[in-house]
N, C-alpha and C. Protein backbone atom coordinates (compact mmCIF):
# COMPACT_ATOMS: atom_id res chain seq x y z
N GLN A 1 1.14 -1.15 -0.38
CA GLN A 1 0.03 -0.01 -0.01
C GLN A 1 0.57 1.12 -0.22
N SER A 2 0.57 2.43 -0.74
CA SER A 2 0.91 3.80 -0.64
C SER A 2 0.63 4.28 0.73
N ALA A 3 1.32 4.87 0.82
CA ALA A 3 1.42 5.97 2.03
C ALA A 3 0.53 6.85 1.77
N ILE A 4 -0.12 7.56 0.83
CA ILE A 4 -1.60 8.11 0.78
C ILE A 4 -3.04 7.53 1.06
N PHE A 5 -2.54 6.46 1.17
CA PHE A 5 -4.11 5.29 0.98
C PHE A 5 -3.96 4.48 2.62
N ASN A 6 -2.65 4.67 3.31
CA ASN A 6 -2.79 4.16 5.14
C ASN A 6 -2.79 5.59 5.74
N PHE A 7 -3.71 5.57 6.99
CA PHE A 7 -3.35 6.73 7.37
C PHE A 7 -1.93 6.75 8.57
N GLN A 8 -1.91 5.82 8.73
CA GLN A 8 -0.78 5.65 9.65
C GLN A 8 0.78 6.59 9.26
N SER A 9 0.25 5.60 7.86
CA SER A 9 1.50 5.40 7.31
C SER A 9 1.87 7.57 7.07
N LEU A 10 0.56 7.56 6.63
CA LEU A 10 0.85 9.21 5.72
C LEU A 10 1.25 10.32 7.48
N LEU A 11 0.46 9.78 8.32
CA LEU A 11 1.18 10.65 9.51
C LEU A 11 2.49 10.81 9.98
N THR A 12 3.16 9.40 9.49
CA THR A 12 4.57 9.03 9.76
C THR A 12 5.39 9.82 8.71
N VAL A 13 4.94 9.72 7.43
CA VAL A 13 5.64 10.42 6.59
C VAL A 13 5.63 11.89 7.22
N ILE A 14 4.69 12.37 7.31
CA ILE A 14 4.56 14.28 8.41
C ILE A 14 5.22 14.25 8.82
N LEU A 15 5.20 13.75 9.53
CA LEU A 15 6.32 13.51 11.30
C LEU A 15 7.44 13.53 10.70
N LEU A 16 7.83 12.85 10.00
CA LEU A 16 9.61 12.49 9.61
C LEU A 16 9.46 13.92 8.59
N LEU A 17 8.66 14.09 8.17
CA LEU A 17 9.31 15.52 6.86
C LEU A 17 9.08 16.83 7.83
N ILE A 18 8.50 17.06 8.96
CA ILE A 18 8.42 17.89 10.12
C ILE A 18 9.77 18.05 10.70
N CYS A 19 10.21 16.69 11.06
CA CYS A 19 11.10 16.40 11.76
C CYS A 19 12.70 16.95 11.03
N THR A 20 12.90 16.31 10.03
CA THR A 20 13.73 16.56 9.07
C THR A 20 14.06 17.85 8.49
N CYS A 21 13.14 18.39 8.63
CA CYS A 21 12.74 20.32 7.67
C CYS A 21 13.46 21.13 8.84
N ALA A 22 12.94 21.01 10.22
CA ALA A 22 13.43 21.49 11.34
C ALA A 22 15.00 21.38 11.36
N TYR A 23 15.62 20.20 11.68
CA TYR A 23 17.24 19.87 11.39
C TYR A 23 17.79 20.65 10.49
N ILE A 24 17.31 20.14 9.07
CA ILE A 24 17.94 21.27 8.20
C ILE A 24 18.17 22.67 8.35
N ARG A 25 16.95 23.07 8.94
CA ARG A 25 17.05 24.46 8.74
C ARG A 25 17.96 25.23 10.30
N ALA A 26 17.55 23.88 11.42
CA ALA A 26 19.04 24.59 12.55
C ALA A 26 20.38 24.29 11.94
N LEU A 27 20.53 23.49 11.18
CA LEU A 27 21.96 23.37 10.06
C LEU A 27 22.43 24.60 9.27
N ALA A 28 21.25 24.34 8.64
CA ALA A 28 21.87 25.66 7.45
C ALA A 28 20.49 26.42 7.28
N PRO A 29 20.27 27.69 7.83
CA PRO A 29 19.29 28.49 7.87
C PRO A 29 18.55 28.87 6.19
N LYS A 30 19.89 28.99 5.63
CA LYS A 30 19.76 29.75 4.44
C LYS A 30 19.34 28.86 3.41
N LEU A 31 19.47 27.45 3.78
CA LEU A 31 18.56 26.55 2.44
C LEU A 31 17.23 26.66 2.34
N LEU A 32 16.50 26.78 3.84
CA LEU A 32 15.22 27.07 3.75
C LEU A 32 14.39 28.05 3.40
N ASP A 33 15.36 29.41 4.21
CA ASP A 33 14.44 30.89 4.34
C ASP A 33 14.46 31.40 2.44
N LYS A 34 14.99 30.53 1.74
CA LYS A 34 15.27 31.76 0.48
C LYS A 34 14.10 31.40 0.04
N ASN A 35 13.22 29.94 0.47
CA ASN A 35 12.13 29.37 -0.55
C ASN A 35 10.80 29.71 0.31
N LYS A 36 10.52 30.89 0.62
CA LYS A 36 9.35 31.00 1.54
C LYS A 36 7.89 30.54 1.37
N SER A 37 7.93 30.63 -0.32
CA SER A 37 6.84 30.24 -1.04
C SER A 37 6.90 29.76 -2.09
N GLY A 38 5.72 29.39 -2.85
CA GLY A 38 5.43 28.13 -3.84
C GLY A 38 5.72 26.72 -3.21
N ILE A 39 6.09 26.16 -4.20
CA ILE A 39 5.83 24.29 -3.63
C ILE A 39 7.11 24.20 -2.79
N LEU A 40 8.40 24.85 -2.95
CA LEU A 40 9.27 24.65 -1.91
C LEU A 40 9.26 25.18 -0.47
N GLY A 41 8.33 26.31 -0.54
CA GLY A 41 7.87 26.34 0.92
C GLY A 41 7.43 25.53 1.77
N ILE A 42 6.95 24.62 1.27
CA ILE A 42 6.39 23.69 1.95
C ILE A 42 6.95 23.36 2.89
N PHE A 43 8.31 23.27 2.76
CA PHE A 43 10.00 22.97 3.40
C PHE A 43 9.73 23.62 4.70
N TRP A 44 9.64 24.95 4.24
CA TRP A 44 9.93 26.13 5.25
C TRP A 44 8.87 25.91 6.08
N LYS A 45 7.73 25.93 5.71
CA LYS A 45 6.60 25.66 6.77
C LYS A 45 6.67 24.55 7.66
N CYS A 46 6.93 23.67 7.36
CA CYS A 46 7.38 22.58 8.14
C CYS A 46 8.39 22.71 9.48
N ALA A 47 9.17 22.95 8.47
CA ALA A 47 10.46 23.63 9.61
C ALA A 47 9.96 24.50 10.92
N ARG A 48 9.12 25.73 10.51
CA ARG A 48 8.52 26.52 11.29
C ARG A 48 7.41 25.75 12.25
N ILE A 49 6.99 24.81 12.21
CA ILE A 49 6.44 23.95 12.65
C ILE A 49 6.88 22.96 13.32
N GLY A 50 7.66 22.56 13.10
CA GLY A 50 8.96 21.62 13.49
C GLY A 50 9.83 22.60 15.05
N GLU A 51 10.27 24.14 14.50
CA GLU A 51 10.41 24.82 15.51
C GLU A 51 9.88 25.55 16.98
N ARG A 52 8.63 25.55 16.26
CA ARG A 52 7.76 26.48 17.19
C ARG A 52 6.44 25.36 17.81
N LYS A 53 6.30 24.43 17.24
CA LYS A 53 5.63 23.30 18.32
C LYS A 53 6.49 22.03 18.25
N SER A 54 7.94 21.83 18.80
CA SER A 54 8.78 21.17 19.47
C SER A 54 8.06 20.01 20.18
N PRO A 55 7.24 20.51 21.39
CA PRO A 55 7.21 19.73 22.46
C PRO A 55 6.07 18.72 21.78
N TRP A 56 5.19 19.02 20.90
CA TRP A 56 3.95 18.39 20.63
C TRP A 56 4.52 17.33 19.59
N VAL A 57 5.43 18.22 18.77
CA VAL A 57 6.13 17.25 17.38
C VAL A 57 6.52 16.14 18.17
N ALA A 58 7.65 16.28 19.27
CA ALA A 58 8.06 15.30 20.11
C ALA A 58 7.80 14.04 20.90
N CYS A 59 6.17 14.77 21.02
CA CYS A 59 5.12 14.21 21.73
C CYS A 59 4.25 13.23 20.85
N CYS A 60 4.02 13.20 19.50
CA CYS A 60 3.57 12.31 18.39
C CYS A 60 4.65 11.80 17.97
N CYS A 61 5.99 12.44 17.57
CA CYS A 61 6.78 11.23 17.34
C CYS A 61 7.30 9.92 18.46
N VAL A 62 7.69 9.89 19.28
CA VAL A 62 6.86 8.98 20.43
C VAL A 62 5.94 8.18 20.62
N MET A 63 4.93 9.08 20.35
CA MET A 63 3.11 8.09 20.06
C MET A 63 3.52 7.37 18.89
N MET A 64 3.92 7.48 17.69
CA MET A 64 4.26 7.12 16.57
C MET A 64 4.88 5.95 16.88
N ALA A 65 6.17 5.88 17.55
CA ALA A 65 7.08 5.15 17.76
C ALA A 65 6.52 4.13 18.04
N PHE A 66 5.79 4.39 19.23
CA PHE A 66 5.60 3.74 20.25
C PHE A 66 4.11 2.17 19.71
N SER A 67 3.43 3.35 18.49
CA SER A 67 2.13 2.66 17.93
C SER A 67 3.16 1.67 16.59
N ILE A 68 4.19 2.02 15.86
CA ILE A 68 4.97 1.20 15.38
C ILE A 68 5.36 0.14 15.79
N LEU A 69 5.98 0.55 16.53
CA LEU A 69 6.73 -0.91 17.69
C LEU A 69 5.99 -2.03 17.97
N PHE A 70 4.97 -1.31 18.85
CA PHE A 70 4.34 -2.05 20.23
C PHE A 70 2.91 -3.18 19.12
N MET A 71 1.98 -1.68 18.16
CA MET A 71 0.83 -2.08 17.85
C MET A 71 0.38 -3.00 16.51
N GLN A 72 1.76 -2.75 15.59
CA GLN A 72 1.43 -3.64 14.69
C GLN A 72 2.09 -5.18 14.31
């Protein structure tokens, strides 16, 4: 199955995208800051979510890891 049709896989992909974009922005901020609009603006927005909502994102990552490890 594709990640689009499986809700848990879709959530995992979104969480990984948010975490990866926030990590890349922490290492090289100019890489994401130059693309604030358009298609590549999605990565900048994901980085902002990862920075501003980091406790919530971390909690979701822990819950997703628990779900993947013990529920499947």
